[in-house]
Protein backbone atom coordinates (compact mmCIF):
# COMPACT_ATOMS: atom_id res chain seq x y z
CA UNK A 1 115.39 94.87 119.27
CA UNK A 2 114.82 96.73 122.35
CA UNK A 3 118.36 97.54 122.58
CA UNK A 4 118.26 99.07 119.01
CA UNK A 5 115.40 101.29 119.92
CA UNK A 6 117.30 102.54 122.91
CA UNK A 7 120.40 103.29 120.83
CA UNK A 8 118.28 104.93 118.14
CA UNK A 9 116.60 107.18 121.02
CA UNK A 10 120.03 107.88 122.45
CA UNK A 11 121.52 108.72 118.97
CA UNK A 12 118.73 111.14 118.65
CA UNK A 13 119.11 112.80 121.94
CA UNK A 14 122.86 113.31 121.06
CA UNK A 15 122.19 114.92 117.53
CA UNK A 16 122.51 118.66 117.09
CA UNK A 17 119.33 121.20 117.48
CA UNK A 18 119.53 121.69 113.64
CA UNK A 19 119.44 118.04 112.84
CA UNK A 20 116.40 117.56 115.38
CA UNK A 21 114.71 120.58 113.71
CA UNK A 22 115.11 118.97 110.17
CA UNK A 23 113.77 115.57 111.63
CA UNK A 24 110.85 117.34 112.97
CA UNK A 25 110.14 119.12 109.53
CA UNK A 26 110.58 115.56 107.62
CA UNK A 27 108.03 113.99 110.00
CA UNK A 28 105.62 117.08 109.70
CA UNK A 29 106.09 116.65 106.01
CA UNK A 30 105.31 113.00 105.90
CA UNK A 31 102.18 113.13 108.33
CA UNK A 32 100.72 115.84 106.14
CA UNK A 33 101.26 114.04 102.81
CA UNK A 34 99.81 111.01 104.44
CA UNK A 35 96.75 112.28 106.24
CA UNK A 36 95.80 115.59 104.61
CA UNK A 37 92.36 115.54 102.81
CA UNK A 38 91.78 111.80 103.12
CA UNK A 39 88.08 111.86 103.16
CA UNK A 40 88.29 114.07 99.73
CA UNK A 41 90.77 111.81 97.91
CA UNK A 42 91.03 108.43 99.39
CA UNK A 43 89.49 105.79 96.88
CA UNK A 44 86.51 103.74 97.98
CA UNK A 45 85.52 101.10 95.45
CA UNK A 46 83.66 97.85 95.78
CA UNK A 47 87.01 96.45 96.78
CA UNK A 48 87.33 98.67 99.87
CA UNK A 49 83.43 98.34 100.59
CA UNK A 50 83.68 94.56 100.45
CA UNK A 51 86.83 94.55 102.87
CA UNK A 52 85.23 97.04 105.14
CA UNK A 53 82.16 94.93 105.44
CA UNK A 54 84.20 91.72 105.88
CA UNK A 55 86.48 93.54 108.56
CA UNK A 56 83.38 94.43 110.39
CA UNK A 57 82.00 90.83 110.51
CA UNK A 58 85.15 89.50 111.83
CA UNK A 59 85.15 92.26 114.33
CA UNK A 60 81.60 91.33 115.64
CA UNK A 61 81.91 87.47 115.47
CA UNK A 62 85.17 87.72 117.08
CA UNK A 63 86.40 85.76 114.26
CA UNK A 64 89.93 85.02 113.16
CA UNK A 65 90.15 83.97 109.45
CA UNK A 66 92.71 83.76 106.70
CA UNK A 67 90.46 85.00 104.24
CA UNK A 68 90.93 88.19 103.10
CA UNK A 69 90.37 90.47 100.02
CA UNK A 70 88.71 88.54 97.10
CA UNK A 71 89.24 89.72 93.61
CA UNK A 72 86.35 90.82 91.90
CA UNK A 73 86.43 87.84 89.39
CA UNK A 74 86.48 85.66 92.13
CA UNK A 75 89.81 84.27 90.98
CA UNK A 76 92.33 85.04 93.69
CA UNK A 77 91.67 84.87 97.45
CA UNK A 78 94.34 87.08 99.37
CA UNK A 79 95.25 86.76 103.18
CA UNK A 80 93.39 88.79 105.68
CA UNK A 81 96.72 90.21 107.14
CA UNK A 82 95.92 93.59 105.76
CA UNK A 83 92.54 93.73 107.55
CA UNK A 84 94.13 93.12 111.01
CA UNK A 85 96.70 95.56 110.37
CA UNK A 86 94.16 98.23 109.97
CA UNK A 87 91.15 97.02 111.96
CA UNK A 88 92.11 99.03 115.33
CA UNK A 89 91.50 102.18 113.23
CA UNK A 90 88.40 100.82 111.81
CA UNK A 91 87.18 100.06 115.36
CA UNK A 92 88.18 103.33 116.74
CA UNK A 93 86.11 105.15 113.87
CA UNK A 94 83.13 102.74 114.07
CA UNK A 95 83.96 101.19 110.49
CA UNK A 96 83.13 104.40 108.41
CA UNK A 97 84.76 104.12 105.06
CA UNK A 98 87.79 106.61 105.86
CA UNK A 99 88.62 104.46 109.01
CA UNK A 100 90.79 101.83 107.34
CA UNK A 101 92.64 104.53 105.43
CA UNK A 102 93.69 106.26 108.69
CA UNK A 103 95.30 103.01 109.62
CA UNK A 104 97.10 102.92 106.09
CA UNK A 105 98.25 106.44 106.54
CA UNK A 106 99.73 105.43 109.95
CA UNK A 107 101.41 102.63 108.68
CA UNK A 108 102.62 105.07 105.47
CA UNK A 109 104.41 107.24 108.32
CA UNK A 110 105.97 104.11 109.93
CA UNK A 111 107.19 103.26 106.33
CA UNK A 112 108.59 106.47 105.74
CA UNK A 113 110.44 106.23 108.96
CA UNK A 114 111.75 103.14 108.15
CA UNK A 115 113.22 104.31 104.87
CA UNK A 116 114.55 107.28 106.43
CA UNK A 117 116.45 105.44 109.04
CA UNK A 118 117.69 103.12 106.25
CA UNK A 119 118.96 105.91 104.43
CA UNK A 120 120.77 107.48 107.20
CA UNK A 121 122.34 104.13 108.13
CA UNK A 122 123.50 103.50 104.55
CA UNK A 123 125.00 106.90 103.49
CA UNK A 124 124.06 109.75 105.95
CA UNK A 125 125.11 112.25 103.21
CA UNK A 126 121.99 111.35 101.02
CA UNK A 127 119.80 111.43 104.05
CA UNK A 128 118.64 114.95 103.33
CA UNK A 129 117.83 114.09 99.71
CA UNK A 130 116.23 110.74 100.67
CA UNK A 131 113.94 112.50 103.18
CA UNK A 132 112.70 114.96 100.34
CA UNK A 133 111.96 112.00 98.41
CA UNK A 134 110.39 110.02 100.88
CA UNK A 135 107.88 112.97 101.89
CA UNK A 136 106.47 113.08 98.47
CA UNK A 137 107.35 110.09 96.44
CA UNK A 138 104.42 109.45 94.16
CA UNK A 139 104.24 105.59 95.07
CA UNK A 140 104.65 106.03 98.96
CA UNK A 141 101.89 108.88 98.93
CA UNK A 142 99.59 106.55 96.69
CA UNK A 143 99.85 103.62 99.02
CA UNK A 144 99.78 105.54 102.29
CA UNK A 145 96.27 106.93 101.24
CA UNK A 146 94.39 104.18 99.96
CA UNK A 147 93.57 101.01 101.98
CA UNK A 148 94.15 98.21 99.59
CA UNK A 149 96.08 95.01 100.15
CA UNK A 150 98.64 95.31 97.52
CA UNK A 151 99.77 98.54 99.16
CA UNK A 152 101.11 96.95 102.36
CA UNK A 153 104.21 95.28 100.70
CA UNK A 154 106.46 98.28 101.12
CA UNK A 155 105.92 98.46 104.77
CA UNK A 156 107.16 94.89 105.32
CA UNK A 157 109.91 95.15 102.78
CA UNK A 158 111.10 98.46 104.38
CA UNK A 159 110.82 97.05 107.82
CA UNK A 160 113.07 94.09 106.55
CA UNK A 161 115.73 95.92 104.90
CA UNK A 162 116.18 98.13 108.04
CA UNK A 163 116.65 94.80 110.28
CA UNK A 164 118.86 93.69 107.60
CA UNK A 165 121.14 96.93 107.97
CA UNK A 166 121.26 96.69 111.74
CA UNK A 167 121.54 92.77 111.64
CA UNK A 168 124.98 92.86 113.56
CA UNK A 169 123.69 94.71 116.25
CA UNK A 170 120.47 92.77 116.80
CA UNK A 171 122.10 89.39 116.44
CA UNK A 172 120.83 85.95 114.95
CA UNK A 173 117.26 86.65 115.51
CA UNK A 174 117.39 89.18 113.00
CA UNK A 175 117.70 86.85 110.11
CA UNK A 176 114.40 85.05 111.33
CA UNK A 177 112.59 88.57 111.46
CA UNK A 178 114.07 89.61 107.92
CA UNK A 179 112.47 86.22 106.90
CA UNK A 180 109.08 86.67 108.42
CA UNK A 181 108.73 90.32 107.36
CA UNK A 182 109.62 89.56 103.50
CA UNK A 183 107.38 86.40 103.77
CA UNK A 184 104.43 88.58 105.25
CA UNK A 185 104.55 90.37 101.81
CA UNK A 186 103.47 87.47 100.08
CA UNK A 187 99.99 87.80 102.19
CA UNK A 188 99.45 91.14 100.51
CA UNK A 189 100.17 90.21 96.87
CA UNK A 190 101.73 87.00 95.28
CA UNK A 191 103.84 88.70 93.03
CA UNK A 192 106.09 89.84 95.91
CA UNK A 193 107.76 86.12 95.47
CA UNK A 194 109.20 87.38 92.17
CA UNK A 195 110.99 89.96 94.38
CA UNK A 196 112.05 88.58 97.57
CA UNK A 197 113.07 85.18 96.55
CA UNK A 198 116.17 86.65 94.71
CA UNK A 199 117.02 89.00 97.55
CA UNK A 200 117.03 86.01 99.96
CA UNK A 201 119.37 83.73 97.72
CA UNK A 202 121.81 86.74 97.23
CA UNK A 203 122.00 87.59 100.76
CA UNK A 204 122.26 83.81 101.76
CA UNK A 205 125.34 82.82 99.40
CA UNK A 206 128.05 84.88 101.15
CA UNK A 207 126.73 83.14 104.47
CA UNK A 208 126.78 79.94 103.06
CA UNK A 209 130.41 80.31 101.84
CA UNK A 210 131.23 81.40 105.52
CA UNK A 211 129.34 78.33 106.91
CA UNK A 212 127.16 80.56 108.82
CA UNK A 213 124.42 77.93 108.40
CA UNK A 214 122.36 78.97 111.41
CA UNK A 215 121.75 82.58 110.16
CA UNK A 216 120.62 80.90 106.68
CA UNK A 217 118.47 78.47 108.16
CA UNK A 218 116.78 81.18 110.38
CA UNK A 219 116.14 83.21 107.28
CA UNK A 220 114.79 80.53 105.52
CA UNK A 221 112.45 79.26 108.21
CA UNK A 222 111.30 82.86 108.83
CA UNK A 223 110.61 83.50 105.17
CA UNK A 224 108.50 80.01 104.76
CA UNK A 225 106.46 80.54 108.04
CA UNK A 226 104.18 83.03 106.61
CA UNK A 227 103.75 80.81 103.33
CA UNK A 228 103.03 77.71 105.34
CA UNK A 229 100.01 79.47 106.75
CA UNK A 230 98.33 78.91 103.23
CA UNK A 231 99.38 75.32 103.08
CA UNK A 232 97.90 74.61 106.51
CA UNK A 233 94.63 76.25 105.45
CA UNK A 234 94.42 74.55 102.30
CA UNK A 235 95.03 71.07 103.77
CA UNK A 236 92.43 71.90 106.52
CA UNK A 237 89.67 73.12 103.95
CA UNK A 238 90.20 71.00 100.84
CA UNK A 239 90.70 71.44 98.09
CA UNK A 240 91.71 74.86 99.53
CA UNK A 241 91.57 78.84 98.40
CA UNK A 242 95.27 79.47 98.14
CA UNK A 243 97.98 77.05 96.70
CA UNK A 244 95.27 74.31 96.24
CA UNK A 245 93.08 76.57 94.08
CA UNK A 246 96.23 77.12 91.87
CA UNK A 247 97.22 73.35 91.69
CA UNK A 248 93.83 71.91 91.31
CA UNK A 249 92.15 74.71 89.44
CA UNK A 250 93.25 73.50 86.01
CA UNK A 251 94.49 76.94 84.80
CA UNK A 252 96.33 79.68 86.78
CA UNK A 253 94.61 83.02 86.83
CA UNK A 254 96.09 85.87 84.68
CA UNK A 255 98.84 83.65 83.41
CA UNK A 256 99.12 83.55 79.46
CA UNK A 257 98.14 80.22 78.32
CA UNK A 258 100.23 80.32 75.19
CA UNK A 259 103.52 82.57 74.72
CA UNK A 260 105.30 83.62 71.49
CA UNK A 261 108.28 85.66 70.82
CA UNK A 262 105.91 88.51 69.64
CA UNK A 263 103.94 88.36 72.88
CA UNK A 264 107.10 88.22 74.99
CA UNK A 265 108.57 91.57 73.26
CA UNK A 266 105.15 93.16 73.66
CA UNK A 267 104.81 92.31 77.36
CA UNK A 268 108.28 93.42 78.21
CA UNK A 269 107.68 96.55 76.72
CA UNK A 270 104.33 96.89 78.55
CA UNK A 271 106.18 95.86 81.93
CA UNK A 272 108.97 98.48 81.38
CA UNK A 273 106.61 101.17 80.67
CA UNK A 274 104.52 100.43 83.63
CA UNK A 275 107.45 99.84 85.89
CA UNK A 276 108.58 103.45 85.28
CA UNK A 277 105.16 104.90 85.71
CA UNK A 278 104.86 103.45 89.18
CA UNK A 279 107.91 105.90 90.23
CA UNK A 280 107.02 108.87 87.93
CA UNK A 281 104.08 109.94 86.06
CA UNK A 282 105.28 112.39 83.52
CA UNK A 283 106.32 110.47 80.37
CA UNK A 284 109.55 112.47 79.70
CA UNK A 285 110.78 112.05 83.36
CA UNK A 286 110.11 108.34 82.64
CA UNK A 287 112.46 108.43 79.76
CA UNK A 288 115.08 110.12 81.57
CA UNK A 289 114.60 107.51 84.87
CA UNK A 290 114.76 104.45 82.64
CA UNK A 291 117.93 105.77 80.67
CA UNK A 292 119.65 106.57 84.12
CA UNK A 293 118.79 103.52 85.80
CA UNK A 294 120.06 101.37 82.93
CA UNK A 295 123.38 103.59 82.50
CA UNK A 296 124.16 103.16 86.02
CA UNK A 297 123.55 99.26 86.05
CA UNK A 298 126.18 99.10 82.99
CA UNK A 299 128.56 101.15 84.73
CA UNK A 300 128.62 99.04 87.69
CA UNK A 301 127.51 95.59 87.13
CA UNK A 302 131.27 94.43 86.04
CA UNK A 303 133.08 96.12 88.83
CA UNK A 304 130.45 95.65 91.40
CA UNK A 305 128.88 92.42 90.12
CA UNK A 306 127.65 90.83 93.28
CA UNK A 307 126.56 94.09 95.23
CA UNK A 308 124.83 95.14 92.06
CA UNK A 309 122.90 91.90 91.36
CA UNK A 310 121.86 91.59 95.22
CA UNK A 311 119.93 94.94 94.84
CA UNK A 312 119.20 95.43 91.11
CA UNK A 313 117.59 91.90 90.44
CA UNK A 314 114.93 92.50 93.17
CA UNK A 315 114.33 95.87 92.23
CA UNK A 316 113.61 95.11 88.77
CA UNK A 317 112.86 91.09 88.56
CA UNK A 318 109.13 91.93 88.18
CA UNK A 319 109.66 93.12 84.62
CA UNK A 320 110.81 89.82 83.60
CA UNK A 321 108.89 87.84 85.97
CA UNK A 322 105.70 89.71 85.03
CA UNK A 323 106.10 88.72 81.21
CA UNK A 324 103.78 85.44 81.62
CA UNK A 325 100.81 87.72 83.00
CA UNK A 326 98.36 88.65 80.50
CA UNK A 327 97.95 92.10 82.52
CA UNK A 328 100.56 94.17 84.33
CA UNK A 329 99.57 96.94 86.76
CA UNK A 330 101.55 99.46 88.82
CA UNK A 331 100.73 97.59 91.99
CA UNK A 332 102.98 94.66 90.92
CA UNK A 333 105.86 97.14 90.99
CA UNK A 334 105.68 98.18 94.82
CA UNK A 335 107.34 95.21 96.03
CA UNK A 336 110.40 96.38 94.31
CA UNK A 337 110.62 99.99 95.93
CA UNK A 338 112.49 99.57 98.76
CA UNK A 339 115.17 97.40 97.03
CA UNK A 340 115.46 100.20 94.17
CA UNK A 341 115.66 102.80 96.77
CA UNK A 342 118.55 100.93 98.87
CA UNK A 343 120.57 100.41 95.50
CA UNK A 344 120.62 103.99 94.74
CA UNK A 345 121.69 104.95 98.23
CA UNK A 346 124.76 102.94 98.23
CA UNK A 347 127.93 104.95 98.51
CA UNK A 348 129.96 105.06 95.42
CA UNK A 349 133.59 105.90 94.65
CA UNK A 350 133.26 107.00 91.31
CA UNK A 351 131.85 110.61 90.50
CA UNK A 352 129.77 109.82 87.69
CA UNK A 353 128.12 106.75 89.35
CA UNK A 354 127.49 109.13 92.18
CA UNK A 355 126.09 111.70 89.93
CA UNK A 356 123.90 109.41 88.28
CA UNK A 357 122.41 108.09 91.51
CA UNK A 358 121.72 111.44 92.54
CA UNK A 359 120.02 112.39 89.09
CA UNK A 360 117.83 109.63 89.59
CA UNK A 361 116.71 110.91 92.73
CA UNK A 362 116.16 114.17 91.69
CA UNK A 363 114.11 112.96 88.57
CA UNK A 364 111.91 111.23 91.21
CA UNK A 365 111.64 114.01 93.61
CA UNK A 366 110.68 116.25 90.37
CA UNK A 367 108.13 113.91 89.09
CA UNK A 368 106.42 113.51 92.57
CA UNK A 369 106.17 117.22 92.95
CA UNK A 370 104.48 117.39 89.76
CA UNK A 371 101.96 114.97 91.10
CA UNK A 372 101.61 115.85 94.83
CA UNK A 373 99.00 118.27 94.44
CA UNK A 374 96.57 116.13 92.81
CA UNK A 375 97.06 113.39 94.95
CA UNK A 376 96.02 115.66 97.96
CA UNK A 377 93.13 117.30 96.32
CA UNK A 378 91.54 115.21 93.86
CA UNK A 379 89.66 111.95 94.00
CA UNK A 380 90.29 109.66 91.07
CA UNK A 381 87.13 107.55 91.74
CA UNK A 382 84.18 109.84 92.09
CA UNK A 383 82.27 110.53 94.16
CA UNK A 384 84.81 111.28 96.99
CA UNK A 385 84.50 109.32 100.02
CA UNK A 386 83.27 112.43 102.24
CA UNK A 387 80.37 112.62 99.44
CA UNK A 388 79.76 109.02 99.56
CA UNK A 389 79.50 108.88 103.34
CA UNK A 390 76.97 111.63 103.25
CA UNK A 391 74.97 109.99 100.74
CA UNK A 392 75.01 106.66 102.35
CA UNK A 393 73.88 108.44 105.57
CA UNK A 394 70.91 110.15 103.98
CA UNK A 395 69.71 106.75 102.40
CA UNK A 396 70.21 105.02 105.66
CA UNK A 397 68.33 107.71 107.77
CA UNK A 398 65.35 108.02 105.31
CA UNK A 399 65.00 104.13 105.15
CA UNK A 400 64.99 103.94 109.16
CA UNK A 401 63.10 106.98 109.82
CA UNK A 402 60.10 106.41 107.20
CA UNK A 403 60.24 102.57 108.04
CA UNK A 404 60.77 101.77 104.15
CA UNK A 405 60.40 98.16 102.79
CA UNK A 406 61.76 97.02 99.54
CA UNK A 407 64.24 99.83 98.97
CA UNK A 408 66.90 99.85 96.19
CA UNK A 409 69.80 102.04 95.29
CA UNK A 410 71.71 103.06 91.88
CA UNK A 411 74.18 105.48 90.86
CA UNK A 412 73.24 107.01 87.36
CA UNK A 413 73.84 110.05 85.06
CA UNK A 414 77.14 110.55 86.82
CA UNK A 415 80.85 110.34 86.84
CA UNK A 416 80.48 107.16 89.32
CA UNK A 417 81.43 104.18 87.02
CA UNK A 418 79.26 101.67 88.89
CA UNK A 419 75.58 102.16 88.11
CA UNK A 420 74.39 99.35 90.44
CA UNK A 421 75.98 101.21 93.45
CA UNK A 422 77.56 97.97 94.84
CA UNK A 423 79.72 99.96 97.31
CA UNK A 424 76.60 101.45 98.66
CA UNK A 425 75.03 98.34 99.11
CA UNK A 426 77.90 96.91 100.98
CA UNK A 427 78.10 99.83 103.53
CA UNK A 428 74.34 100.53 103.79
CA UNK A 429 73.91 96.71 104.71
CA UNK A 430 76.39 97.03 107.32
CA UNK A 431 74.39 99.44 109.07
CA UNK A 432 71.61 97.13 109.46
CA UNK A 433 69.49 98.70 106.54
CA UNK A 434 67.91 96.33 104.32
CA UNK A 435 68.25 96.73 100.44
CA UNK A 436 66.90 94.78 97.77
CA UNK A 437 69.52 93.10 95.46
CA UNK A 438 70.63 94.62 92.17
CA UNK A 439 68.60 92.28 90.20
CA UNK A 440 65.34 93.38 92.13
CA UNK A 441 64.93 96.87 90.76
CA UNK A 442 61.53 95.72 89.30
CA UNK A 443 60.22 94.32 92.71
CA UNK A 444 61.53 97.38 94.67
CA UNK A 445 59.10 100.14 95.95
CA UNK A 446 61.65 102.72 96.48
CA UNK A 447 64.89 103.83 94.72
CA UNK A 448 67.60 105.95 95.79
CA UNK A 449 69.72 107.61 93.00
CA UNK A 450 73.18 109.15 93.60
CA UNK A 451 73.65 111.23 90.87
CA UNK A 452 74.78 114.83 89.42
CA UNK A 453 71.71 114.89 87.09
CA UNK A 454 68.34 116.43 87.57
CA UNK A 455 65.06 114.63 87.91
CA UNK A 456 64.20 115.06 84.36
CA UNK A 457 67.29 113.78 83.10
CA UNK A 458 67.24 110.85 84.98
CA UNK A 459 63.49 110.08 84.02
CA UNK A 460 65.19 109.97 80.38
CA UNK A 461 68.05 107.56 81.60
CA UNK A 462 67.72 103.90 79.65
CA UNK A 463 69.16 102.05 82.52
CA UNK A 464 67.60 98.86 84.10
CA UNK A 465 67.56 100.73 87.44
CA UNK A 466 65.18 103.30 86.24
CA UNK A 467 62.75 101.26 83.85
CA UNK A 468 60.61 100.58 87.03
CA UNK A 469 60.94 103.98 88.45
CA UNK A 470 60.13 106.15 85.28
CA UNK A 471 56.61 106.91 86.20
CA UNK A 472 57.01 106.64 89.90
CA UNK A 473 56.76 109.80 92.11
CA UNK A 474 59.50 112.01 93.06
CA UNK A 475 59.44 111.64 96.88
CA UNK A 476 62.33 113.87 97.67
CA UNK A 477 65.79 115.49 96.38
CA UNK A 478 68.55 115.61 99.05
CA UNK A 479 71.35 117.82 98.18
CA UNK A 480 75.00 117.03 99.44
CA UNK A 481 76.46 120.07 100.90
CA UNK A 482 79.80 121.25 99.31
CA UNK A 483 79.32 119.19 96.19
CA UNK A 484 77.42 118.88 92.90
CA UNK A 485 75.89 115.55 94.17
CA UNK A 486 72.58 114.65 95.39
CA UNK A 487 70.43 111.62 96.14
CA UNK A 488 67.12 111.61 94.74
CA UNK A 489 64.33 109.36 96.10
CA UNK A 490 61.55 107.68 93.87
CA UNK A 491 58.69 105.63 95.37
CA UNK A 492 55.13 104.97 96.37
CA UNK A 493 53.56 107.03 98.70
């Protein structure tokens, strides 16, 4: 690997001034689209607040644990690998809400570099077009600006495929590294198995035919190592939280209990729609994208059967694999992204095939340009992280300075869709500030409401949180600068 890095640096040194300037612009664009206005747009829901609290706990206790993100319905537990990947940034920024997002954005920049190097190594003629796509591509920008465990899969996939591209220069150890990187994807989201397993099978078969058993063994061992960690954890902690939970739980979470032809057809339509929306958001462009991908596949699968299957199956297997799931989300598609990217980059002799692959690139570039402004300026989960942090600090400071006991929080009469303010609770408690539970509004003496409404409007609110405080005194109103949000404090004198 060290030799490969040295060769890359030497190759960069030997490039023309024009090429180095282009690379500088590419890196500048990637850094901008990954880091600009993160506090104003990055999502911070209860998933992220609970993750942040758990990361801080692990750091303070100097704790190494495999337990990471836990789904809201408590049905799935994921690995803590995503925590440790961004923890240096969380530590550096004192576990503020935006701190893990800085780590995610940094990994997003690395992912972009991996994909660009991959593009140059496959077809240098397409590297310029690939660079433009990488800079603004909707899914890459989305993942880089949201610190959520499913979003790490593209980092590992792009790293694995880059190593695979340079495997002959690296040597046998490359196959172990490829396996480990692809296996690590499973730590962030279990559906990655549907994508990575077919790819491993397709690249192993030619090596088996050539009796290159050592490389296949290294590939398999590398792939199994990240999975074996779950097995060892479950054996040490019966009945287990990972594989053991699925095997002994009596039912598999989010898997349809009964399938029918009609349900299969409905799920297939759903999956195709979600799959295309993962790459472009515009419905018309989705239709063009789907038609172009299918057309390219039909033109190539007979003449270039093995090559096509090696990349196309991992790029689309989630569509069929997801049929058994009762729900299908965009995040399930992300493990496929790098494989689709490589398949489109492969040099083609036929003009129509080359034209189709280029058209697909242009469709995704155009679709991404239509969404990039909103991705960099609008928070889809209000209030923004910047407002959230300021509102939380107001509550923390007030409780500590006024030495308040029995305080509580709520998010009412606003665009915030979590009235019990769970994410505020997680973060405020991290700062050694006590709060009553969401079930204890009637036993609380003070209530801080994060809202865009007025005092009069809140007193008319029918929510459980306001019932006990409808006739309580208004202690203060804290306006959050540069926003319509405020914190209203009710309580006894």
